[in-house]
PDB file of all heavy atoms in Angstrom:
ATOM      1  N   LEU A   1      22.477  -7.516  -2.947  1.00  0.00           N
ATOM      2  CA  LEU A   1      23.618  -7.039  -2.184  1.00  0.00           C
ATOM      3  C   LEU A   1      23.928  -8.149  -1.174  1.00  0.00           C
ATOM      4  O   LEU A   1      23.022  -8.935  -0.784  1.00  0.00           O
ATOM      5  CB  LEU A   1      23.314  -5.739  -1.457  1.00  0.00           C
ATOM      6  CG  LEU A   1      23.048  -4.534  -2.321  1.00  0.00           C
ATOM      7  CD1 LEU A   1      22.678  -3.340  -1.497  1.00  0.00           C
ATOM      8  CD2 LEU A   1      24.268  -4.240  -3.226  1.00  0.00           C
ATOM      9  N   THR A   2      25.135  -8.295  -0.725  1.00  0.00           N
ATOM     10  CA  THR A   2      25.503  -9.355   0.156  1.00  0.00           C
ATOM     11  C   THR A   2      25.953  -8.874   1.532  1.00  0.00           C
ATOM     12  O   THR A   2      26.500  -7.839   1.684  1.00  0.00           O
ATOM     13  CB  THR A   2      26.641 -10.230  -0.490  1.00  0.00           C
ATOM     14  OG1 THR A   2      27.789  -9.392  -0.689  1.00  0.00           O
ATOM     15  CG2 THR A   2      26.261 -10.882  -1.791  1.00  0.00           C
ATOM     16  N   LEU A   3      25.648  -9.733   2.481  1.00  0.00           N
ATOM     17  CA  LEU A   3      26.207  -9.627   3.802  1.00  0.00           C
ATOM     18  C   LEU A   3      26.989 -10.883   3.958  1.00  0.00           C
ATOM     19  O   LEU A   3      26.455 -12.001   4.096  1.00  0.00           O
ATOM     20  CB  LEU A   3      25.139  -9.536   4.871  1.00  0.00           C
ATOM     21  CG  LEU A   3      24.290  -8.271   4.860  1.00  0.00           C
ATOM     22  CD1 LEU A   3      23.172  -8.343   5.847  1.00  0.00           C
ATOM     23  CD2 LEU A   3      25.185  -7.033   5.165  1.00  0.00           C
ATOM     24  N   GLY A   4      28.307 -10.809   3.917  1.00  0.00           N
ATOM     25  CA  GLY A   4      29.082 -12.038   3.882  1.00  0.00           C
ATOM     26  C   GLY A   4      29.104 -12.564   2.435  1.00  0.00           C
ATOM     27  O   GLY A   4      29.377 -11.805   1.498  1.00  0.00           O
ATOM     28  N   GLU A   5      28.760 -13.843   2.260  1.00  0.00           N
ATOM     29  CA  GLU A   5      28.750 -14.415   0.911  1.00  0.00           C
ATOM     30  C   GLU A   5      27.360 -14.634   0.320  1.00  0.00           C
ATOM     31  O   GLU A   5      27.273 -15.086  -0.833  1.00  0.00           O
ATOM     32  CB  GLU A   5      29.516 -15.735   0.977  1.00  0.00           C
ATOM     33  CG  GLU A   5      30.951 -15.614   1.349  1.00  0.00           C
ATOM     34  CD  GLU A   5      31.703 -16.947   1.385  1.00  0.00           C
ATOM     35  OE1 GLU A   5      31.195 -17.875   0.831  1.00  0.00           O
ATOM     36  OE2 GLU A   5      32.766 -16.952   1.983  1.00  0.00           O
ATOM     37  N   THR A   6      26.299 -14.360   1.048  1.00  0.00           N
ATOM     38  CA  THR A   6      24.976 -14.628   0.610  1.00  0.00           C
ATOM     39  C   THR A   6      24.196 -13.394   0.350  1.00  0.00           C
ATOM     40  O   THR A   6      24.208 -12.436   1.063  1.00  0.00           O
ATOM     41  CB  THR A   6      24.216 -15.455   1.734  1.00  0.00           C
ATOM     42  OG1 THR A   6      24.995 -16.598   2.026  1.00  0.00           O
ATOM     43  CG2 THR A   6      22.917 -15.908   1.261  1.00  0.00           C
ATOM     44  N   ALA A   7      23.483 -13.410  -0.841  1.00  0.00           N
ATOM     45  CA  ALA A   7      22.648 -12.252  -1.215  1.00  0.00           C
ATOM     46  C   ALA A   7      21.510 -12.166  -0.214  1.00  0.00           C
ATOM     47  O   ALA A   7      21.007 -13.143   0.322  1.00  0.00           O
ATOM     48  CB  ALA A   7      22.066 -12.454  -2.628  1.00  0.00           C
ATOM     49  N   LEU A   8      21.060 -10.900   0.017  1.00  0.00           N
ATOM     50  CA  LEU A   8      20.007 -10.638   1.010  1.00  0.00           C
ATOM     51  C   LEU A   8      18.696 -11.419   0.686  1.00  0.00           C
ATOM     52  O   LEU A   8      18.107 -12.025   1.575  1.00  0.00           O
ATOM     53  CB  LEU A   8      19.688  -9.131   1.017  1.00  0.00           C
ATOM     54  CG  LEU A   8      20.749  -8.234   1.589  1.00  0.00           C
ATOM     55  CD1 LEU A   8      20.344  -6.766   1.406  1.00  0.00           C
ATOM     56  CD2 LEU A   8      21.059  -8.526   3.008  1.00  0.00           C
ATOM     57  N   ILE A   9      18.347 -11.449  -0.614  1.00  0.00           N
ATOM     58  CA  ILE A   9      17.109 -12.174  -0.948  1.00  0.00           C
ATOM     59  C   ILE A   9      17.248 -13.684  -0.725  1.00  0.00           C
ATOM     60  O   ILE A   9      16.330 -14.335  -0.282  1.00  0.00           O
ATOM     61  CB  ILE A   9      16.650 -11.878  -2.414  1.00  0.00           C
ATOM     62  CG1 ILE A   9      15.285 -12.403  -2.707  1.00  0.00           C
ATOM     63  CG2 ILE A   9      17.678 -12.364  -3.434  1.00  0.00           C
ATOM     64  CD1 ILE A   9      14.156 -11.741  -1.929  1.00  0.00           C
ATOM     65  N   GLU A  10      18.404 -14.231  -1.018  1.00  0.00           N
ATOM     66  CA  GLU A  10      18.617 -15.677  -0.798  1.00  0.00           C
ATOM     67  C   GLU A  10      18.622 -16.036   0.700  1.00  0.00           C
ATOM     68  O   GLU A  10      18.057 -17.002   1.109  1.00  0.00           O
ATOM     69  CB  GLU A  10      19.939 -16.111  -1.455  1.00  0.00           C
ATOM     70  CG  GLU A  10      19.843 -16.070  -2.984  1.00  0.00           C
ATOM     71  CD  GLU A  10      21.210 -16.280  -3.597  1.00  0.00           C
ATOM     72  OE1 GLU A  10      22.249 -15.977  -3.004  1.00  0.00           O
ATOM     73  OE2 GLU A  10      21.182 -16.721  -4.767  1.00  0.00           O
ATOM     74  N   ALA A  11      19.228 -15.167   1.541  1.00  0.00           N
ATOM     75  CA  ALA A  11      19.217 -15.377   2.974  1.00  0.00           C
ATOM     76  C   ALA A  11      17.801 -15.296   3.517  1.00  0.00           C
ATOM     77  O   ALA A  11      17.389 -16.066   4.360  1.00  0.00           O
ATOM     78  CB  ALA A  11      20.150 -14.378   3.673  1.00  0.00           C
ATOM     79  N   SER A  12      17.067 -14.309   3.034  1.00  0.00           N
ATOM     80  CA  SER A  12      15.629 -14.164   3.458  1.00  0.00           C
ATOM     81  C   SER A  12      14.804 -15.355   3.083  1.00  0.00           C
ATOM     82  O   SER A  12      14.001 -15.796   3.931  1.00  0.00           O
ATOM     83  CB  SER A  12      15.087 -12.887   2.851  1.00  0.00           C
ATOM     84  OG  SER A  12      15.798 -11.738   3.260  1.00  0.00           O
ATOM     85  N   ILE A  13      14.950 -15.853   1.884  1.00  0.00           N
ATOM     86  CA  ILE A  13      14.190 -16.997   1.462  1.00  0.00           C
ATOM     87  C   ILE A  13      14.543 -18.223   2.361  1.00  0.00           C
ATOM     88  O   ILE A  13      13.671 -18.969   2.742  1.00  0.00           O
ATOM     89  CB  ILE A  13      14.405 -17.326  -0.033  1.00  0.00           C
ATOM     90  CG1 ILE A  13      13.741 -16.217  -0.888  1.00  0.00           C
ATOM     91  CG2 ILE A  13      13.853 -18.724  -0.428  1.00  0.00           C
ATOM     92  CD1 ILE A  13      14.101 -16.300  -2.357  1.00  0.00           C
ATOM     93  N   GLU A  14      15.796 -18.404   2.562  1.00  0.00           N
ATOM     94  CA  GLU A  14      16.286 -19.542   3.397  1.00  0.00           C
ATOM     95  C   GLU A  14      15.670 -19.440   4.779  1.00  0.00           C
ATOM     96  O   GLU A  14      15.226 -20.489   5.362  1.00  0.00           O
ATOM     97  CB  GLU A  14      17.794 -19.621   3.439  1.00  0.00           C
ATOM     98  CG  GLU A  14      18.278 -20.850   4.183  1.00  0.00           C
ATOM     99  CD  GLU A  14      19.774 -21.101   3.953  1.00  0.00           C
ATOM    100  OE1 GLU A  14      20.218 -20.915   2.865  1.00  0.00           O
ATOM    101  OE2 GLU A  14      20.402 -21.535   4.934  1.00  0.00           O
ATOM    102  N   LYS A  15      15.639 -18.269   5.349  1.00  0.00           N
ATOM    103  CA  LYS A  15      15.083 -18.111   6.694  1.00  0.00           C
ATOM    104  C   LYS A  15      13.588 -18.422   6.675  1.00  0.00           C
ATOM    105  O   LYS A  15      13.063 -19.032   7.623  1.00  0.00           O
ATOM    106  CB  LYS A  15      15.330 -16.715   7.234  1.00  0.00           C
ATOM    107  CG  LYS A  15      16.796 -16.506   7.600  1.00  0.00           C
ATOM    108  CD  LYS A  15      17.032 -15.133   8.106  1.00  0.00           C
ATOM    109  CE  LYS A  15      18.527 -14.899   8.205  1.00  0.00           C
ATOM    110  NZ  LYS A  15      18.958 -14.579   9.502  1.00  0.00           N
ATOM    111  N   CYS A  16      12.881 -18.065   5.624  1.00  0.00           N
ATOM    112  CA  CYS A  16      11.504 -18.349   5.526  1.00  0.00           C
ATOM    113  C   CYS A  16      11.275 -19.878   5.490  1.00  0.00           C
ATOM    114  O   CYS A  16      10.394 -20.372   6.180  1.00  0.00           O
ATOM    115  CB  CYS A  16      10.872 -17.723   4.292  1.00  0.00           C
ATOM    116  SG  CYS A  16      10.636 -15.947   4.398  1.00  0.00           S
ATOM    117  N   LEU A  17      12.025 -20.519   4.657  1.00  0.00           N
ATOM    118  CA  LEU A  17      11.914 -22.005   4.508  1.00  0.00           C
ATOM    119  C   LEU A  17      12.198 -22.660   5.899  1.00  0.00           C
ATOM    120  O   LEU A  17      11.500 -23.621   6.257  1.00  0.00           O
ATOM    121  CB  LEU A  17      12.863 -22.513   3.453  1.00  0.00           C
ATOM    122  CG  LEU A  17      12.558 -22.061   2.026  1.00  0.00           C
ATOM    123  CD1 LEU A  17      13.606 -22.512   1.068  1.00  0.00           C
ATOM    124  CD2 LEU A  17      11.163 -22.518   1.577  1.00  0.00           C
ATOM    125  N   MET A  18      13.194 -22.207   6.612  1.00  0.00           N
ATOM    126  CA  MET A  18      13.543 -22.798   7.898  1.00  0.00           C
ATOM    127  C   MET A  18      12.393 -22.551   8.910  1.00  0.00           C
ATOM    128  O   MET A  18      12.214 -23.340   9.868  1.00  0.00           O
ATOM    129  CB  MET A  18      14.841 -22.246   8.466  1.00  0.00           C
ATOM    130  CG  MET A  18      16.038 -22.675   7.626  1.00  0.00           C
ATOM    131  SD  MET A  18      17.685 -22.279   8.312  1.00  0.00           S
ATOM    132  CE  MET A  18      17.484 -20.648   8.981  1.00  0.00           C
ATOM    133  N   ALA A  19      11.574 -21.457   8.727  1.00  0.00           N
ATOM    134  CA  ALA A  19      10.498 -21.181   9.594  1.00  0.00           C
ATOM    135  C   ALA A  19       9.201 -21.889   9.192  1.00  0.00           C
ATOM    136  O   ALA A  19       8.138 -21.687   9.798  1.00  0.00           O
ATOM    137  CB  ALA A  19      10.303 -19.624   9.642  1.00  0.00           C
ATOM    138  N   GLY A  20       9.248 -22.707   8.199  1.00  0.00           N
ATOM    139  CA  GLY A  20       8.060 -23.442   7.781  1.00  0.00           C
ATOM    140  C   GLY A  20       7.236 -22.835   6.632  1.00  0.00           C
ATOM    141  O   GLY A  20       6.175 -23.316   6.320  1.00  0.00           O
ATOM    142  N   ILE A  21       7.715 -21.749   6.120  1.00  0.00           N
ATOM    143  CA  ILE A  21       6.992 -21.083   4.977  1.00  0.00           C
ATOM    144  C   ILE A  21       7.152 -22.030   3.735  1.00  0.00           C
ATOM    145  O   ILE A  21       8.270 -22.514   3.466  1.00  0.00           O
ATOM    146  CB  ILE A  21       7.660 -19.719   4.607  1.00  0.00           C
ATOM    147  CG1 ILE A  21       7.598 -18.773   5.776  1.00  0.00           C
ATOM    148  CG2 ILE A  21       7.009 -19.109   3.352  1.00  0.00           C
ATOM    149  CD1 ILE A  21       6.239 -18.360   6.229  1.00  0.00           C
ATOM    150  N   THR A  22       6.081 -22.342   3.109  1.00  0.00           N
ATOM    151  CA  THR A  22       6.090 -23.282   1.963  1.00  0.00           C
ATOM    152  C   THR A  22       5.955 -22.593   0.656  1.00  0.00           C
ATOM    153  O   THR A  22       6.164 -23.231  -0.370  1.00  0.00           O
ATOM    154  CB  THR A  22       4.936 -24.355   2.128  1.00  0.00           C
ATOM    155  OG1 THR A  22       3.683 -23.621   2.222  1.00  0.00           O
ATOM    156  CG2 THR A  22       5.139 -25.173   3.384  1.00  0.00           C
ATOM    157  N   GLN A  23       5.537 -21.352   0.617  1.00  0.00           N
ATOM    158  CA  GLN A  23       5.407 -20.643  -0.676  1.00  0.00           C
ATOM    159  C   GLN A  23       6.008 -19.255  -0.485  1.00  0.00           C
ATOM    160  O   GLN A  23       5.735 -18.544   0.402  1.00  0.00           O
ATOM    161  CB  GLN A  23       3.911 -20.529  -1.026  1.00  0.00           C
ATOM    162  CG  GLN A  23       3.722 -19.834  -2.365  1.00  0.00           C
ATOM    163  CD  GLN A  23       2.216 -19.868  -2.765  1.00  0.00           C
ATOM    164  OE1 GLN A  23       1.385 -20.387  -2.085  1.00  0.00           O
ATOM    165  NE2 GLN A  23       1.937 -19.225  -3.880  1.00  0.00           N
ATOM    166  N   VAL A  24       6.869 -18.918  -1.485  1.00  0.00           N
ATOM    167  CA  VAL A  24       7.512 -17.606  -1.474  1.00  0.00           C
ATOM    168  C   VAL A  24       7.215 -16.924  -2.823  1.00  0.00           C
ATOM    169  O   VAL A  24       7.384 -17.519  -3.907  1.00  0.00           O
ATOM    170  CB  VAL A  24       9.059 -17.706  -1.343  1.00  0.00           C
ATOM    171  CG1 VAL A  24       9.682 -16.391  -1.476  1.00  0.00           C
ATOM    172  CG2 VAL A  24       9.406 -18.338   0.032  1.00  0.00           C
ATOM    173  N   MET A  25       6.690 -15.726  -2.739  1.00  0.00           N
ATOM    174  CA  MET A  25       6.435 -14.940  -3.956  1.00  0.00           C
ATOM    175  C   MET A  25       7.266 -13.653  -3.891  1.00  0.00           C
ATOM    176  O   MET A  25       7.423 -13.057  -2.865  1.00  0.00           O
ATOM    177  CB  MET A  25       4.946 -14.572  -4.022  1.00  0.00           C
ATOM    178  CG  MET A  25       4.016 -15.751  -4.236  1.00  0.00           C
ATOM    179  SD  MET A  25       2.320 -15.285  -4.465  1.00  0.00           S
ATOM    180  CE  MET A  25       1.817 -15.032  -2.751  1.00  0.00           C
ATOM    181  N   ILE A  26       7.792 -13.281  -5.074  1.00  0.00           N
ATOM    182  CA  ILE A  26       8.624 -12.078  -5.160  1.00  0.00           C
ATOM    183  C   ILE A  26       8.022 -11.205  -6.255  1.00  0.00           C
ATOM    184  O   ILE A  26       8.049 -11.584  -7.426  1.00  0.00           O
ATOM    185  CB  ILE A  26      10.077 -12.433  -5.478  1.00  0.00           C
ATOM    186  CG1 ILE A  26      10.655 -13.386  -4.443  1.00  0.00           C
ATOM    187  CG2 ILE A  26      10.938 -11.142  -5.501  1.00  0.00           C
ATOM    188  CD1 ILE A  26      12.050 -13.946  -4.797  1.00  0.00           C
ATOM    189  N   GLY A  27       7.592 -10.021  -5.887  1.00  0.00           N
ATOM    190  CA  GLY A  27       7.153  -9.012  -6.845  1.00  0.00           C
ATOM    191  C   GLY A  27       8.345  -8.246  -7.344  1.00  0.00           C
ATOM    192  O   GLY A  27       9.037  -7.638  -6.543  1.00  0.00           O
ATOM    193  N   THR A  28       8.647  -8.351  -8.610  1.00  0.00           N
ATOM    194  CA  THR A  28       9.857  -7.715  -9.125  1.00  0.00           C
ATOM    195  C   THR A  28       9.546  -6.622 -10.125  1.00  0.00           C
ATOM    196  O   THR A  28       8.396  -6.527 -10.573  1.00  0.00           O
ATOM    197  CB  THR A  28      10.771  -8.714  -9.803  1.00  0.00           C
ATOM    198  OG1 THR A  28      10.101  -9.258 -10.977  1.00  0.00           O
ATOM    199  CG2 THR A  28      11.157  -9.849  -8.878  1.00  0.00           C
ATOM    200  N   GLY A  29      10.474  -5.843 -10.428  1.00  0.00           N
ATOM    201  CA  GLY A  29      10.388  -4.774 -11.401  1.00  0.00           C
ATOM    202  C   GLY A  29      11.796  -4.451 -11.918  1.00  0.00           C
ATOM    203  O   GLY A  29      12.214  -4.992 -12.924  1.00  0.00           O
ATOM    204  N   TYR A  30      12.499  -3.647 -11.182  1.00  0.00           N
ATOM    205  CA  TYR A  30      13.840  -3.213 -11.551  1.00  0.00           C
ATOM    206  C   TYR A  30      14.738  -4.417 -11.671  1.00  0.00           C
ATOM    207  O   TYR A  30      14.929  -5.227 -10.788  1.00  0.00           O
ATOM    208  CB  TYR A  30      14.381  -2.282 -10.517  1.00  0.00           C
ATOM    209  CG  TYR A  30      15.824  -1.828 -10.710  1.00  0.00           C
ATOM    210  CD1 TYR A  30      16.166  -0.993 -11.790  1.00  0.00           C
ATOM    211  CD2 TYR A  30      16.869  -2.199  -9.858  1.00  0.00           C
ATOM    212  CE1 TYR A  30      17.479  -0.602 -11.995  1.00  0.00           C
ATOM    213  CE2 TYR A  30      18.129  -1.813 -10.046  1.00  0.00           C
ATOM    214  CZ  TYR A  30      18.454  -1.002 -11.128  1.00  0.00           C
ATOM    215  OH  TYR A  30      19.757  -0.595 -11.291  1.00  0.00           O
ATOM    216  N   GLN A  31      15.307  -4.587 -12.878  1.00  0.00           N
ATOM    217  CA  GLN A  31      16.219  -5.709 -13.211  1.00  0.00           C
ATOM    218  C   GLN A  31      15.709  -7.011 -12.747  1.00  0.00           C
ATOM    219  O   GLN A  31      16.401  -7.834 -12.144  1.00  0.00           O
ATOM    220  CB  GLN A  31      17.661  -5.362 -12.607  1.00  0.00           C
ATOM    221  CG  GLN A  31      18.223  -4.165 -13.195  1.00  0.00           C
ATOM    222  CD  GLN A  31      19.760  -4.013 -12.921  1.00  0.00           C
ATOM    223  OE1 GLN A  31      20.352  -4.957 -12.482  1.00  0.00           O
ATOM    224  NE2 GLN A  31      20.282  -2.888 -13.249  1.00  0.00           N
ATOM    225  N   SER A  32      14.462  -7.288 -13.129  1.00  0.00           N
ATOM    226  CA  SER A  32      13.797  -8.515 -12.692  1.00  0.00           C
ATOM    227  C   SER A  32      14.470  -9.821 -13.131  1.00  0.00           C
ATOM    228  O   SER A  32      14.339 -10.832 -12.525  1.00  0.00           O
ATOM    229  CB  SER A  32      12.344  -8.527 -13.176  1.00  0.00           C
ATOM    230  OG  SER A  32      12.317  -8.451 -14.590  1.00  0.00           O
ATOM    231  N   GLN A  33      15.331  -9.735 -14.163  1.00  0.00           N
ATOM    232  CA  GLN A  33      16.041 -10.910 -14.614  1.00  0.00           C
ATOM    233  C   GLN A  33      16.911 -11.529 -13.576  1.00  0.00           C
ATOM    234  O   GLN A  33      17.175 -12.730 -13.581  1.00  0.00           O
ATOM    235  CB  GLN A  33      16.807 -10.673 -15.915  1.00  0.00           C
ATOM    236  CG  GLN A  33      18.026  -9.774 -15.734  1.00  0.00           C
ATOM    237  CD  GLN A  33      17.750  -8.273 -15.749  1.00  0.00           C
ATOM    238  OE1 GLN A  33      16.622  -7.803 -15.738  1.00  0.00           O
ATOM    239  NE2 GLN A  33      18.820  -7.461 -15.731  1.00  0.00           N
TER     240      GLN A  33
END
């Protein structure tokens, strides 16, 4: 889902990277593709 033009997961990952997070893992299930 988007807030503005960016998907929530993409915005969240970007914020993590900007905060110095070097590894991001996503546990998926529903529509994992």
